[in-house]
Amino acid sequence: MAQQTPHLSSNSSEILERQKRAEALRASGMTVREVAIELRCSMHVAGTLLARSHDPRIDTGNSDWLNGLPHRTARALLALGFSSQHGVASALAEGSLNSGTPGLGPKTVAAIEKWLSRVRVPN
């Protein structure tokens, strides 16, 4: 199975610059394939960069708490109404966030647990 693309890496400014460049290339009339060639990445990565720019739930100004999560997992948590790591950690601890939660499966919950183990959860 392919690895999920992280929402943002530790070098988020580099990713945001690539995203802006991808947007500019696409706006200039390039296809996703041409953007991928220009950025020297796969079509999947180019598509993900472009999709992030059009996802209104992922605003780089207020979603830093999602850093390190796979993009799909970040979108799922936002769709479920979460707005902080603390909220996610609490829901996971009390059992209301589990693999039976709509939009989540065992692999997504495992990714969330791994993410929470790597980050300091503020109160």
PDB file of N, CA and C in Angstrom:
ATOM      1  N   MET A   1       0.838  -1.182   0.000  1.00  0.00           N
ATOM      2  CA  MET A   1       0.000   0.000   0.000  1.00  0.00           C
ATOM      3  C   MET A   1       0.877   1.237   0.000  1.00  0.00           C
ATOM      4  N   ALA A   2       0.475   2.255  -0.732  1.00  0.00           N
ATOM      5  CA  ALA A   2       1.247   3.494  -0.820  1.00  0.00           C
ATOM      6  C   ALA A   2       1.116   4.290   0.470  1.00  0.00           C
ATOM      7  N   GLN A   3       2.180   4.985   0.808  1.00  0.00           N
ATOM      8  CA  GLN A   3       2.165   5.858   1.981  1.00  0.00           C
ATOM      9  C   GLN A   3       1.274   7.053   1.708  1.00  0.00           C
ATOM     10  N   GLN A   4       0.572   7.525   2.747  1.00  0.00           N
ATOM     11  CA  GLN A   4      -0.225   8.731   2.593  1.00  0.00           C
ATOM     12  C   GLN A   4       0.701   9.933   2.647  1.00  0.00           C
ATOM     13  N   THR A   5       0.357  10.963   1.893  1.00  0.00           N
ATOM     14  CA  THR A   5       1.143  12.183   1.873  1.00  0.00           C
ATOM     15  C   THR A   5       0.887  12.962   3.149  1.00  0.00           C
ATOM     16  N   PRO A   6       1.939  13.359   3.897  1.00  0.00           N
ATOM     17  CA  PRO A   6       1.709  14.148   5.099  1.00  0.00           C
ATOM     18  C   PRO A   6       1.038  15.476   4.763  1.00  0.00           C
ATOM     19  N   HIS A   7       0.202  15.952   5.681  1.00  0.00           N
ATOM     20  CA  HIS A   7      -0.471  17.248   5.510  1.00  0.00           C
ATOM     21  C   HIS A   7       0.567  18.338   5.325  1.00  0.00           C
ATOM     22  N   LEU A   8       1.468  18.468   6.254  1.00  0.00           N
ATOM     23  CA  LEU A   8       2.593  19.396   6.160  1.00  0.00           C
ATOM     24  C   LEU A   8       3.769  18.742   6.855  1.00  0.00           C
ATOM     25  N   SER A   9       4.933  18.937   6.340  1.00  0.00           N
ATOM     26  CA  SER A   9       6.109  18.363   6.974  1.00  0.00           C
ATOM     27  C   SER A   9       6.694  19.360   7.944  1.00  0.00           C
ATOM     28  N   SER A  10       7.836  18.994   8.525  1.00  0.00           N
ATOM     29  CA  SER A  10       8.516  19.912   9.431  1.00  0.00           C
ATOM     30  C   SER A  10       9.012  21.125   8.662  1.00  0.00           C
ATOM     31  N   ASN A  11       9.139  20.998   7.346  1.00  0.00           N
ATOM     32  CA  ASN A  11       9.578  22.116   6.518  1.00  0.00           C
ATOM     33  C   ASN A  11       8.371  22.647   5.749  1.00  0.00           C
ATOM     34  N   SER A  12       7.382  23.128   6.488  1.00  0.00           N
ATOM     35  CA  SER A  12       6.126  23.530   5.859  1.00  0.00           C
ATOM     36  C   SER A  12       6.288  24.703   4.904  1.00  0.00           C
ATOM     37  N   SER A  13       7.246  25.586   5.151  1.00  0.00           N
ATOM     38  CA  SER A  13       7.409  26.728   4.244  1.00  0.00           C
ATOM     39  C   SER A  13       7.828  26.259   2.853  1.00  0.00           C
ATOM     40  N   GLU A  14       8.649  25.218   2.785  1.00  0.00           N
ATOM     41  CA  GLU A  14       9.064  24.676   1.483  1.00  0.00           C
ATOM     42  C   GLU A  14       7.866  24.076   0.748  1.00  0.00           C
ATOM     43  N   ILE A  15       7.025  23.366   1.473  1.00  0.00           N
ATOM     44  CA  ILE A  15       5.847  22.764   0.860  1.00  0.00           C
ATOM     45  C   ILE A  15       4.884  23.847   0.396  1.00  0.00           C
ATOM     46  N   LEU A  16       4.706  24.885   1.205  1.00  0.00           N
ATOM     47  CA  LEU A  16       3.810  25.973   0.814  1.00  0.00           C
ATOM     48  C   LEU A  16       4.332  26.689  -0.422  1.00  0.00           C
ATOM     49  N   GLU A  17       5.640  26.837  -0.531  1.00  0.00           N
ATOM     50  CA  GLU A  17       6.223  27.453  -1.729  1.00  0.00           C
ATOM     51  C   GLU A  17       5.969  26.582  -2.953  1.00  0.00           C
ATOM     52  N   ARG A  18       6.132  25.269  -2.798  1.00  0.00           N
ATOM     53  CA  ARG A  18       5.851  24.342  -3.912  1.00  0.00           C
ATOM     54  C   ARG A  18       4.380  24.409  -4.297  1.00  0.00           C
ATOM     55  N   GLN A  19       3.525  24.522  -3.290  1.00  0.00           N
ATOM     56  CA  GLN A  19       2.093  24.615  -3.555  1.00  0.00           C
ATOM     57  C   GLN A  19       1.786  25.884  -4.339  1.00  0.00           C
ATOM     58  N   LYS A  20       2.366  27.001  -3.932  1.00  0.00           N
ATOM     59  CA  LYS A  20       2.149  28.268  -4.646  1.00  0.00           C
ATOM     60  C   LYS A  20       2.662  28.182  -6.078  1.00  0.00           C
ATOM     61  N   ARG A  21       3.814  27.539  -6.248  1.00  0.00           N
ATOM     62  CA  ARG A  21       4.377  27.394  -7.593  1.00  0.00           C
ATOM     63  C   ARG A  21       3.467  26.519  -8.455  1.00  0.00           C
ATOM     64  N   ALA A  22       2.961  25.428  -7.853  1.00  0.00           N
ATOM     65  CA  ALA A  22       2.043  24.546  -8.582  1.00  0.00           C
ATOM     66  C   ALA A  22       0.787  25.308  -9.003  1.00  0.00           C
ATOM     67  N   GLU A  23       0.253  26.128  -8.100  1.00  0.00           N
ATOM     68  CA  GLU A  23      -0.935  26.928  -8.416  1.00  0.00           C
ATOM     69  C   GLU A  23      -0.654  27.886  -9.572  1.00  0.00           C
ATOM     70  N   ALA A  24       0.507  28.541  -9.526  1.00  0.00           N
ATOM     71  CA  ALA A  24       0.863  29.502 -10.581  1.00  0.00           C
ATOM     72  C   ALA A  24       1.012  28.802 -11.930  1.00  0.00           C
ATOM     73  N   LEU A  25       1.647  27.637 -11.919  1.00  0.00           N
ATOM     74  CA  LEU A  25       1.826  26.887 -13.161  1.00  0.00           C
ATOM     75  C   LEU A  25       0.470  26.452 -13.726  1.00  0.00           C
ATOM     76  N   ARG A  26      -0.404  25.991 -12.849  1.00  0.00           N
ATOM     77  CA  ARG A  26      -1.733  25.549 -13.284  1.00  0.00           C
ATOM     78  C   ARG A  26      -2.525  26.737 -13.830  1.00  0.00           C
ATOM     79  N   ALA A  27      -2.413  27.884 -13.148  1.00  0.00           N
ATOM     80  CA  ALA A  27      -3.115  29.094 -13.594  1.00  0.00           C
ATOM     81  C   ALA A  27      -2.603  29.581 -14.947  1.00  0.00           C
ATOM     82  N   SER A  28      -1.343  29.249 -15.257  1.00  0.00           N
ATOM     83  CA  SER A  28      -0.782  29.667 -16.544  1.00  0.00           C
ATOM     84  C   SER A  28      -1.258  28.780 -17.690  1.00  0.00           C
ATOM     85  N   GLY A  29      -2.043  27.748 -17.357  1.00  0.00           N
ATOM     86  CA  GLY A  29      -2.611  26.901 -18.396  1.00  0.00           C
ATOM     87  C   GLY A  29      -2.023  25.510 -18.489  1.00  0.00           C
ATOM     88  N   MET A  30      -1.077  25.185 -17.617  1.00  0.00           N
ATOM     89  CA  MET A  30      -0.477  23.847 -17.659  1.00  0.00           C
ATOM     90  C   MET A  30      -1.449  22.800 -17.132  1.00  0.00           C
ATOM     91  N   THR A  31      -1.318  21.584 -17.647  1.00  0.00           N
ATOM     92  CA  THR A  31      -2.083  20.457 -17.125  1.00  0.00           C
ATOM     93  C   THR A  31      -1.401  19.973 -15.852  1.00  0.00           C
ATOM     94  N   VAL A  32      -2.086  19.113 -15.106  1.00  0.00           N
ATOM     95  CA  VAL A  32      -1.485  18.554 -13.890  1.00  0.00           C
ATOM     96  C   VAL A  32      -0.221  17.776 -14.256  1.00  0.00           C
ATOM     97  N   ARG A  33      -0.264  17.081 -15.379  1.00  0.00           N
ATOM     98  CA  ARG A  33       0.915  16.328 -15.827  1.00  0.00           C
ATOM     99  C   ARG A  33       2.089  17.271 -16.095  1.00  0.00           C
ATOM    100  N   GLU A  34       1.826  18.383 -16.761  1.00  0.00           N
ATOM    101  CA  GLU A  34       2.888  19.352 -17.054  1.00  0.00           C
ATOM    102  C   GLU A  34       3.418  20.000 -15.775  1.00  0.00           C
ATOM    103  N   VAL A  35       2.519  20.250 -14.817  1.00  0.00           N
ATOM    104  CA  VAL A  35       2.948  20.793 -13.520  1.00  0.00           C
ATOM    105  C   VAL A  35       3.874  19.793 -12.836  1.00  0.00           C
ATOM    106  N   ALA A  36       3.504  18.519 -12.867  1.00  0.00           N
ATOM    107  CA  ALA A  36       4.328  17.475 -12.250  1.00  0.00           C
ATOM    108  C   ALA A  36       5.711  17.420 -12.892  1.00  0.00           C
ATOM    109  N   ILE A  37       5.763  17.513 -14.201  1.00  0.00           N
ATOM    110  CA  ILE A  37       7.054  17.490 -14.903  1.00  0.00           C
ATOM    111  C   ILE A  37       7.886  18.702 -14.503  1.00  0.00           C
ATOM    112  N   GLU A  38       7.265  19.863 -14.469  1.00  0.00           N
ATOM    113  CA  GLU A  38       7.974  21.097 -14.114  1.00  0.00           C
ATOM    114  C   GLU A  38       8.498  21.055 -12.675  1.00  0.00           C
ATOM    115  N   LEU A  39       7.702  20.498 -11.762  1.00  0.00           N
ATOM    116  CA  LEU A  39       8.102  20.428 -10.349  1.00  0.00           C
ATOM    117  C   LEU A  39       8.956  19.199 -10.046  1.00  0.00           C
ATOM    118  N   ARG A  40       9.105  18.336 -11.050  1.00  0.00           N
ATOM    119  CA  ARG A  40       9.888  17.107 -10.904  1.00  0.00           C
ATOM    120  C   ARG A  40       9.339  16.227  -9.784  1.00  0.00           C
ATOM    121  N   CYS A  41       8.023  15.996  -9.876  1.00  0.00           N
ATOM    122  CA  CYS A  41       7.352  15.137  -8.904  1.00  0.00           C
ATOM    123  C   CYS A  41       6.332  14.278  -9.650  1.00  0.00           C
ATOM    124  N   SER A  42       5.704  13.378  -8.932  1.00  0.00           N
ATOM    125  CA  SER A  42       4.690  12.533  -9.565  1.00  0.00           C
ATOM    126  C   SER A  42       3.412  13.335  -9.797  1.00  0.00           C
ATOM    127  N   MET A  43       2.560  12.808 -10.661  1.00  0.00           N
ATOM    128  CA  MET A  43       1.270  13.460 -10.899  1.00  0.00           C
ATOM    129  C   MET A  43       0.431  13.452  -9.622  1.00  0.00           C
ATOM    130  N   HIS A  44       0.584  12.400  -8.822  1.00  0.00           N
ATOM    131  CA  HIS A  44      -0.151  12.318  -7.556  1.00  0.00           C
ATOM    132  C   HIS A  44       0.242  13.469  -6.627  1.00  0.00           C
ATOM    133  N   VAL A  45       1.547  13.717  -6.498  1.00  0.00           N
ATOM    134  CA  VAL A  45       2.024  14.802  -5.628  1.00  0.00           C
ATOM    135  C   VAL A  45       1.553  16.148  -6.167  1.00  0.00           C
ATOM    136  N   ALA A  46       1.656  16.346  -7.473  1.00  0.00           N
ATOM    137  CA  ALA A  46       1.198  17.604  -8.077  1.00  0.00           C
ATOM    138  C   ALA A  46      -0.295  17.795  -7.823  1.00  0.00           C
ATOM    139  N   GLY A  47      -1.063  16.737  -7.990  1.00  0.00           N
ATOM    140  CA  GLY A  47      -2.500  16.814  -7.737  1.00  0.00           C
ATOM    141  C   GLY A  47      -2.815  17.129  -6.284  1.00  0.00           C
ATOM    142  N   THR A  48      -2.040  16.542  -5.370  1.00  0.00           N
ATOM    143  CA  THR A  48      -2.232  16.812  -3.945  1.00  0.00           C
ATOM    144  C   THR A  48      -1.916  18.263  -3.619  1.00  0.00           C
ATOM    145  N   LEU A  49      -0.834  18.777  -4.175  1.00  0.00           N
ATOM    146  CA  LEU A  49      -0.476  20.184  -3.948  1.00  0.00           C
ATOM    147  C   LEU A  49      -1.592  21.104  -4.431  1.00  0.00           C
ATOM    148  N   LEU A  50      -2.133  20.802  -5.594  1.00  0.00           N
ATOM    149  CA  LEU A  50      -3.210  21.628  -6.143  1.00  0.00           C
ATOM    150  C   LEU A  50      -4.506  21.460  -5.349  1.00  0.00           C
ATOM    151  N   ALA A  51      -4.789  20.255  -4.894  1.00  0.00           N
ATOM    152  CA  ALA A  51      -6.012  20.014  -4.119  1.00  0.00           C
ATOM    153  C   ALA A  51      -5.979  20.754  -2.796  1.00  0.00           C
ATOM    154  N   ARG A  52      -4.819  20.796  -2.162  1.00  0.00           N
ATOM    155  CA  ARG A  52      -4.699  21.504  -0.883  1.00  0.00           C
ATOM    156  C   ARG A  52      -5.065  22.969  -1.027  1.00  0.00           C
ATOM    157  N   SER A  53      -4.710  23.541  -2.151  1.00  0.00           N
ATOM    158  CA  SER A  53      -4.970  24.967  -2.336  1.00  0.00           C
ATOM    159  C   SER A  53      -6.457  25.250  -2.520  1.00  0.00           C
ATOM    160  N   HIS A  54      -7.235  24.216  -2.841  1.00  0.00           N
ATOM    161  CA  HIS A  54      -8.665  24.407  -3.073  1.00  0.00           C
ATOM    162  C   HIS A  54      -9.533  23.802  -1.983  1.00  0.00           C
ATOM    163  N   ASP A  55      -8.913  23.315  -0.898  1.00  0.00           N
ATOM    164  CA  ASP A  55      -9.670  22.730   0.203  1.00  0.00           C
ATOM    165  C   ASP A  55      -9.914  23.814   1.247  1.00  0.00           C
ATOM    166  N   PRO A  56     -11.129  24.363   1.323  1.00  0.00           N
ATOM    167  CA  PRO A  56     -11.387  25.483   2.232  1.00  0.00           C
ATOM    168  C   PRO A  56     -11.220  25.127   3.700  1.00  0.00           C
ATOM    169  N   ARG A  57     -11.254  23.831   4.037  1.00  0.00           N
ATOM    170  CA  ARG A  57     -11.099  23.437   5.437  1.00  0.00           C
ATOM    171  C   ARG A  57      -9.658  23.529   5.890  1.00  0.00           C
ATOM    172  N   ILE A  58      -8.720  23.482   4.935  1.00  0.00           N
ATOM    173  CA  ILE A  58      -7.311  23.517   5.295  1.00  0.00           C
ATOM    174  C   ILE A  58      -6.774  24.896   4.978  1.00  0.00           C
ATOM    175  N   ASP A  59      -6.786  25.722   5.993  1.00  0.00           N
ATOM    176  CA  ASP A  59      -6.283  27.089   5.898  1.00  0.00           C
ATOM    177  C   ASP A  59      -4.956  27.101   6.632  1.00  0.00           C
ATOM    178  N   THR A  60      -3.882  27.382   5.916  1.00  0.00           N
ATOM    179  CA  THR A  60      -2.556  27.315   6.534  1.00  0.00           C
ATOM    180  C   THR A  60      -2.416  28.272   7.701  1.00  0.00           C
ATOM    181  N   GLY A  61      -3.279  29.265   7.804  1.00  0.00           N
ATOM    182  CA  GLY A  61      -3.195  30.195   8.916  1.00  0.00           C
ATOM    183  C   GLY A  61      -3.723  29.630  10.221  1.00  0.00           C
ATOM    184  N   ASN A  62      -4.656  28.664  10.151  1.00  0.00           N
ATOM    185  CA  ASN A  62      -5.230  28.157  11.396  1.00  0.00           C
ATOM    186  C   ASN A  62      -5.182  26.644  11.518  1.00  0.00           C
ATOM    187  N   SER A  63      -4.439  25.966  10.679  1.00  0.00           N
ATOM    188  CA  SER A  63      -4.409  24.506  10.757  1.00  0.00           C
ATOM    189  C   SER A  63      -3.020  23.958  11.061  1.00  0.00           C
ATOM    190  N   ASP A  64      -2.163  24.769  11.686  1.00  0.00           N
ATOM    191  CA  ASP A  64      -0.835  24.274  12.042  1.00  0.00           C
ATOM    192  C   ASP A  64      -0.903  23.075  12.974  1.00  0.00           C
ATOM    193  N   TRP A  65      -1.967  22.970  13.741  1.00  0.00           N
ATOM    194  CA  TRP A  65      -2.090  21.844  14.663  1.00  0.00           C
ATOM    195  C   TRP A  65      -2.180  20.513  13.922  1.00  0.00           C
ATOM    196  N   LEU A  66      -2.444  20.541  12.624  1.00  0.00           N
ATOM    197  CA  LEU A  66      -2.543  19.320  11.824  1.00  0.00           C
ATOM    198  C   LEU A  66      -1.199  18.857  11.264  1.00  0.00           C
ATOM    199  N   ASN A  67      -0.145  19.636  11.463  1.00  0.00           N
ATOM    200  CA  ASN A  67       1.163  19.298  10.898  1.00  0.00           C
ATOM    201  C   ASN A  67       1.579  17.881  11.269  1.00  0.00           C
ATOM    202  N   GLY A  68       2.055  17.162  10.271  1.00  0.00           N
ATOM    203  CA  GLY A  68       2.538  15.805  10.479  1.00  0.00           C
ATOM    204  C   GLY A  68       1.507  14.731  10.211  1.00  0.00           C
ATOM    205  N   LEU A  69       0.255  15.108  10.034  1.00  0.00           N
ATOM    206  CA  LEU A  69      -0.793  14.129   9.732  1.00  0.00           C
ATOM    207  C   LEU A  69      -0.892  13.910   8.231  1.00  0.00           C
ATOM    208  N   PRO A  70      -1.234  12.694   7.808  1.00  0.00           N
ATOM    209  CA  PRO A  70      -1.527  12.507   6.392  1.00  0.00           C
ATOM    210  C   PRO A  70      -2.677  13.440   5.992  1.00  0.00           C
ATOM    211  N   HIS A  71      -2.641  13.948   4.775  1.00  0.00           N
ATOM    212  CA  HIS A  71      -3.624  14.924   4.301  1.00  0.00           C
ATOM    213  C   HIS A  71      -5.053  14.399   4.436  1.00  0.00           C
ATOM    214  N   ARG A  72      -5.282  13.164   4.059  1.00  0.00           N
ATOM    215  CA  ARG A  72      -6.620  12.585   4.136  1.00  0.00           C
ATOM    216  C   ARG A  72      -7.106  12.537   5.578  1.00  0.00           C
ATOM    217  N   THR A  73      -6.221  12.179   6.496  1.00  0.00           N
ATOM    218  CA  THR A  73      -6.575  12.110   7.913  1.00  0.00           C
ATOM    219  C   THR A  73      -6.892  13.500   8.452  1.00  0.00           C
ATOM    220  N   ALA A  74      -6.096  14.488   8.043  1.00  0.00           N
ATOM    221  CA  ALA A  74      -6.345  15.872   8.466  1.00  0.00           C
ATOM    222  C   ALA A  74      -7.728  16.323   7.999  1.00  0.00           C
ATOM    223  N   ARG A  75      -8.066  16.038   6.755  1.00  0.00           N
ATOM    224  CA  ARG A  75      -9.385  16.412   6.227  1.00  0.00           C
ATOM    225  C   ARG A  75     -10.499  15.710   6.991  1.00  0.00           C
ATOM    226  N   ALA A  76     -10.289  14.432   7.331  1.00  0.00           N
ATOM    227  CA  ALA A  76     -11.308  13.677   8.067  1.00  0.00           C
ATOM    228  C   ALA A  76     -11.546  14.293   9.444  1.00  0.00           C
ATOM    229  N   LEU A  77     -10.472  14.664  10.141  1.00  0.00           N
ATOM    230  CA  LEU A  77     -10.623  15.278  11.467  1.00  0.00           C
ATOM    231  C   LEU A  77     -11.338  16.623  11.373  1.00  0.00           C
ATOM    232  N   LEU A  78     -11.003  17.410  10.357  1.00  0.00           N
ATOM    233  CA  LEU A  78     -11.678  18.697  10.168  1.00  0.00           C
ATOM    234  C   LEU A  78     -13.160  18.484   9.855  1.00  0.00           C
ATOM    235  N   ALA A  79     -13.462  17.487   9.032  1.00  0.00           N
ATOM    236  CA  ALA A  79     -14.854  17.199   8.678  1.00  0.00           C
ATOM    237  C   ALA A  79     -15.655  16.752   9.899  1.00  0.00           C
ATOM    238  N   LEU A  80     -14.971  16.127  10.865  1.00  0.00           N
ATOM    239  CA  LEU A  80     -15.630  15.688  12.093  1.00  0.00           C
ATOM    240  C   LEU A  80     -15.758  16.818  13.114  1.00  0.00           C
ATOM    241  N   GLY A  81     -15.207  17.982  12.787  1.00  0.00           N
ATOM    242  CA  GLY A  81     -15.367  19.147  13.653  1.00  0.00           C
ATOM    243  C   GLY A  81     -14.244  19.402  14.635  1.00  0.00           C
ATOM    244  N   PHE A  82     -13.162  18.660  14.544  1.00  0.00           N
ATOM    245  CA  PHE A  82     -12.043  18.877  15.470  1.00  0.00           C
ATOM    246  C   PHE A  82     -11.291  20.144  15.092  1.00  0.00           C
ATOM    247  N   SER A  83     -10.795  20.840  16.112  1.00  0.00           N
ATOM    248  CA  SER A  83     -10.057  22.078  15.865  1.00  0.00           C
ATOM    249  C   SER A  83      -8.765  22.171  16.667  1.00  0.00           C
ATOM    250  N   SER A  84      -8.399  21.078  17.357  1.00  0.00           N
ATOM    251  CA  SER A  84      -7.152  21.096  18.129  1.00  0.00           C
ATOM    252  C   SER A  84      -6.658  19.677  18.382  1.00  0.00           C
ATOM    253  N   GLN A  85      -5.360  19.569  18.652  1.00  0.00           N
ATOM    254  CA  GLN A  85      -4.778  18.278  19.008  1.00  0.00           C
ATOM    255  C   GLN A  85      -5.376  17.790  20.320  1.00  0.00           C
ATOM    256  N   HIS A  86      -5.602  18.717  21.240  1.00  0.00           N
ATOM    257  CA  HIS A  86      -6.165  18.350  22.538  1.00  0.00           C
ATOM    258  C   HIS A  86      -7.539  17.694  22.366  1.00  0.00           C
ATOM    259  N   GLY A  87      -8.364  18.261  21.501  1.00  0.00           N
ATOM    260  CA  GLY A  87      -9.683  17.687  21.247  1.00  0.00           C
ATOM    261  C   GLY A  87      -9.599  16.287  20.667  1.00  0.00           C
ATOM    262  N   VAL A  88      -8.660  16.093  19.752  1.00  0.00           N
ATOM    263  CA  VAL A  88      -8.462  14.769  19.143  1.00  0.00           C
ATOM    264  C   VAL A  88      -7.983  13.782  20.198  1.00  0.00           C
ATOM    265  N   ALA A  89      -6.988  14.191  21.006  1.00  0.00           N
ATOM    266  CA  ALA A  89      -6.436  13.314  22.043  1.00  0.00           C
ATOM    267  C   ALA A  89      -7.514  12.931  23.055  1.00  0.00           C
ATOM    268  N   SER A  90      -8.338  13.895  23.457  1.00  0.00           N
ATOM    269  CA  SER A  90      -9.414  13.625  24.423  1.00  0.00           C
ATOM    270  C   SER A  90     -10.433  12.643  23.855  1.00  0.00           C
ATOM    271  N   ALA A  91     -10.853  12.875  22.619  1.00  0.00           N
ATOM    272  CA  ALA A  91     -11.841  11.997  21.984  1.00  0.00           C
ATOM    273  C   ALA A  91     -11.291  10.586  21.813  1.00  0.00           C
ATOM    274  N   LEU A  92     -10.019  10.484  21.483  1.00  0.00           N
ATOM    275  CA  LEU A  92      -9.391   9.175  21.325  1.00  0.00           C
ATOM    276  C   LEU A  92      -9.321   8.461  22.676  1.00  0.00           C
ATOM    277  N   ALA A  93      -8.950   9.198  23.727  1.00  0.00           N
ATOM    278  CA  ALA A  93      -8.827   8.613  25.065  1.00  0.00           C
ATOM    279  C   ALA A  93     -10.177   8.149  25.610  1.00  0.00           C
ATOM    280  N   GLU A  94     -11.231   8.913  25.359  1.00  0.00           N
ATOM    281  CA  GLU A  94     -12.549   8.536  25.884  1.00  0.00           C
ATOM    282  C   GLU A  94     -13.274   7.535  24.986  1.00  0.00           C
ATOM    283  N   GLY A  95     -12.709   7.262  23.807  1.00  0.00           N
ATOM    284  CA  GLY A  95     -13.272   6.248  22.927  1.00  0.00           C
ATOM    285  C   GLY A  95     -14.286   6.740  21.916  1.00  0.00           C
ATOM    286  N   SER A  96     -14.591   8.039  21.924  1.00  0.00           N
ATOM    287  CA  SER A  96     -15.565   8.538  20.946  1.00  0.00           C
ATOM    288  C   SER A  96     -14.959   8.689  19.554  1.00  0.00           C
ATOM    289  N   LEU A  97     -13.641   8.660  19.469  1.00  0.00           N
ATOM    290  CA  LEU A  97     -12.933   8.675  18.185  1.00  0.00           C
ATOM    291  C   LEU A  97     -12.274   7.311  18.037  1.00  0.00           C
ATOM    292  N   ASN A  98     -12.789   6.500  17.105  1.00  0.00           N
ATOM    293  CA  ASN A  98     -12.270   5.143  16.924  1.00  0.00           C
ATOM    294  C   ASN A  98     -12.473   4.704  15.482  1.00  0.00           C
ATOM    295  N   SER A  99     -12.103   3.474  15.187  1.00  0.00           N
ATOM    296  CA  SER A  99     -12.186   2.999  13.802  1.00  0.00           C
ATOM    297  C   SER A  99     -13.622   2.869  13.302  1.00  0.00           C
ATOM    298  N   GLY A 100     -14.593   2.992  14.193  1.00  0.00           N
ATOM    299  CA  GLY A 100     -15.992   2.971  13.786  1.00  0.00           C
ATOM    300  C   GLY A 100     -16.540   4.356  13.479  1.00  0.00           C
ATOM    301  N   THR A 101     -15.744   5.379  13.749  1.00  0.00           N
ATOM    302  CA  THR A 101     -16.147   6.756  13.467  1.00  0.00           C
ATOM    303  C   THR A 101     -16.219   6.947  11.954  1.00  0.00           C
ATOM    304  N   PRO A 102     -17.294   7.569  11.443  1.00  0.00           N
ATOM    305  CA  PRO A 102     -17.391   7.784   9.989  1.00  0.00           C
ATOM    306  C   PRO A 102     -16.154   8.493   9.427  1.00  0.00           C
ATOM    307  N   GLY A 103     -15.618   7.941   8.355  1.00  0.00           N
ATOM    308  CA  GLY A 103     -14.441   8.523   7.712  1.00  0.00           C
ATOM    309  C   GLY A 103     -13.124   8.004   8.251  1.00  0.00           C
ATOM    310  N   LEU A 104     -13.184   7.201   9.307  1.00  0.00           N
ATOM    311  CA  LEU A 104     -11.958   6.662   9.894  1.00  0.00           C
ATOM    312  C   LEU A 104     -11.994   5.143   9.853  1.00  0.00           C
ATOM    313  N   GLY A 105     -10.831   4.570   9.693  1.00  0.00           N
ATOM    314  CA  GLY A 105     -10.683   3.132   9.756  1.00  0.00           C
ATOM    315  C   GLY A 105      -9.511   2.820  10.664  1.00  0.00           C
ATOM    316  N   PRO A 106      -9.171   1.556  10.812  1.00  0.00           N
ATOM    317  CA  PRO A 106      -8.069   1.182  11.696  1.00  0.00           C
ATOM    318  C   PRO A 106      -6.737   1.843  11.327  1.00  0.00           C
ATOM    319  N   LYS A 107      -6.447   1.964  10.035  1.00  0.00           N
ATOM    320  CA  LYS A 107      -5.176   2.573   9.621  1.00  0.00           C
ATOM    321  C   LYS A 107      -5.156   4.070   9.917  1.00  0.00           C
ATOM    322  N   THR A 108      -6.298   4.722   9.757  1.00  0.00           N
ATOM    323  CA  THR A 108      -6.378   6.154  10.044  1.00  0.00           C
ATOM    324  C   THR A 108      -6.221   6.398  11.538  1.00  0.00           C
ATOM    325  N   VAL A 109      -6.870   5.577  12.355  1.00  0.00           N
ATOM    326  CA  VAL A 109      -6.741   5.714  13.809  1.00  0.00           C
ATOM    327  C   VAL A 109      -5.296   5.450  14.225  1.00  0.00           C
ATOM    328  N   ALA A 110      -4.653   4.466  13.608  1.00  0.00           N
ATOM    329  CA  ALA A 110      -3.239   4.191  13.909  1.00  0.00           C
ATOM    330  C   ALA A 110      -2.365   5.388  13.539  1.00  0.00           C
ATOM    331  N   ALA A 111      -2.677   6.040  12.417  1.00  0.00           N
ATOM    332  CA  ALA A 111      -1.917   7.230  12.009  1.00  0.00           C
ATOM    333  C   ALA A 111      -2.112   8.359  13.016  1.00  0.00           C
ATOM    334  N   ILE A 112      -3.324   8.507  13.535  1.00  0.00           N
ATOM    335  CA  ILE A 112      -3.603   9.541  14.540  1.00  0.00           C
ATOM    336  C   ILE A 112      -2.844   9.238  15.827  1.00  0.00           C
ATOM    337  N   GLU A 113      -2.860   7.980  16.252  1.00  0.00           N
ATOM    338  CA  GLU A 113      -2.138   7.598  17.473  1.00  0.00           C
ATOM    339  C   GLU A 113      -0.643   7.842  17.322  1.00  0.00           C
ATOM    340  N   LYS A 114      -0.098   7.499  16.169  1.00  0.00           N
ATOM    341  CA  LYS A 114       1.328   7.726  15.911  1.00  0.00           C
ATOM    342  C   LYS A 114       1.635   9.223  15.937  1.00  0.00           C
ATOM    343  N   TRP A 115       0.767  10.020  15.310  1.00  0.00           N
ATOM    344  CA  TRP A 115       0.923  11.475  15.270  1.00  0.00           C
ATOM    345  C   TRP A 115       0.895  12.057  16.679  1.00  0.00           C
ATOM    346  N   LEU A 116      -0.076  11.619  17.487  1.00  0.00           N
ATOM    347  CA  LEU A 116      -0.184  12.135  18.852  1.00  0.00           C
ATOM    348  C   LEU A 116       1.014  11.736  19.706  1.00  0.00           C
ATOM    349  N   SER A 117       1.605  10.581  19.421  1.00  0.00           N
ATOM    350  CA  SER A 117       2.775  10.153  20.201  1.00  0.00           C
ATOM    351  C   SER A 117       4.014  10.981  19.863  1.00  0.00           C
ATOM    352  N   ARG A 118       4.007  11.632  18.687  1.00  0.00           N
ATOM    353  CA  ARG A 118       5.166  12.430  18.257  1.00  0.00           C
ATOM    354  C   ARG A 118       5.042  13.900  18.619  1.00  0.00           C
ATOM    355  N   VAL A 119       3.842  14.366  18.882  1.00  0.00           N
ATOM    356  CA  VAL A 119       3.639  15.792  19.149  1.00  0.00           C
ATOM    357  C   VAL A 119       3.253  16.016  20.600  1.00  0.00           C
ATOM    358  N   ARG A 120       3.580  17.178  21.088  1.00  0.00           N
ATOM    359  CA  ARG A 120       3.169  17.567  22.438  1.00  0.00           C
ATOM    360  C   ARG A 120       1.767  18.144  22.317  1.00  0.00           C
ATOM    361  N   VAL A 121       0.825  17.564  23.029  1.00  0.00           N
ATOM    362  CA  VAL A 121      -0.560  18.006  22.942  1.00  0.00           C
ATOM    363  C   VAL A 121      -0.796  19.101  23.975  1.00  0.00           C
ATOM    364  N   PRO A 122      -1.104  20.339  23.499  1.00  0.00           N
ATOM    365  CA  PRO A 122      -1.388  21.422  24.443  1.00  0.00           C
ATOM    366  C   PRO A 122      -2.740  21.230  25.113  1.00  0.00           C
ATOM    367  N   ASN A 123      -2.895  21.774  26.298  1.00  0.00           N
ATOM    368  CA  ASN A 123      -4.175  21.676  27.029  1.00  0.00           C
ATOM    369  C   ASN A 123      -5.155  22.695  26.586  1.00  0.00           C
TER     370      ASN A 123
END
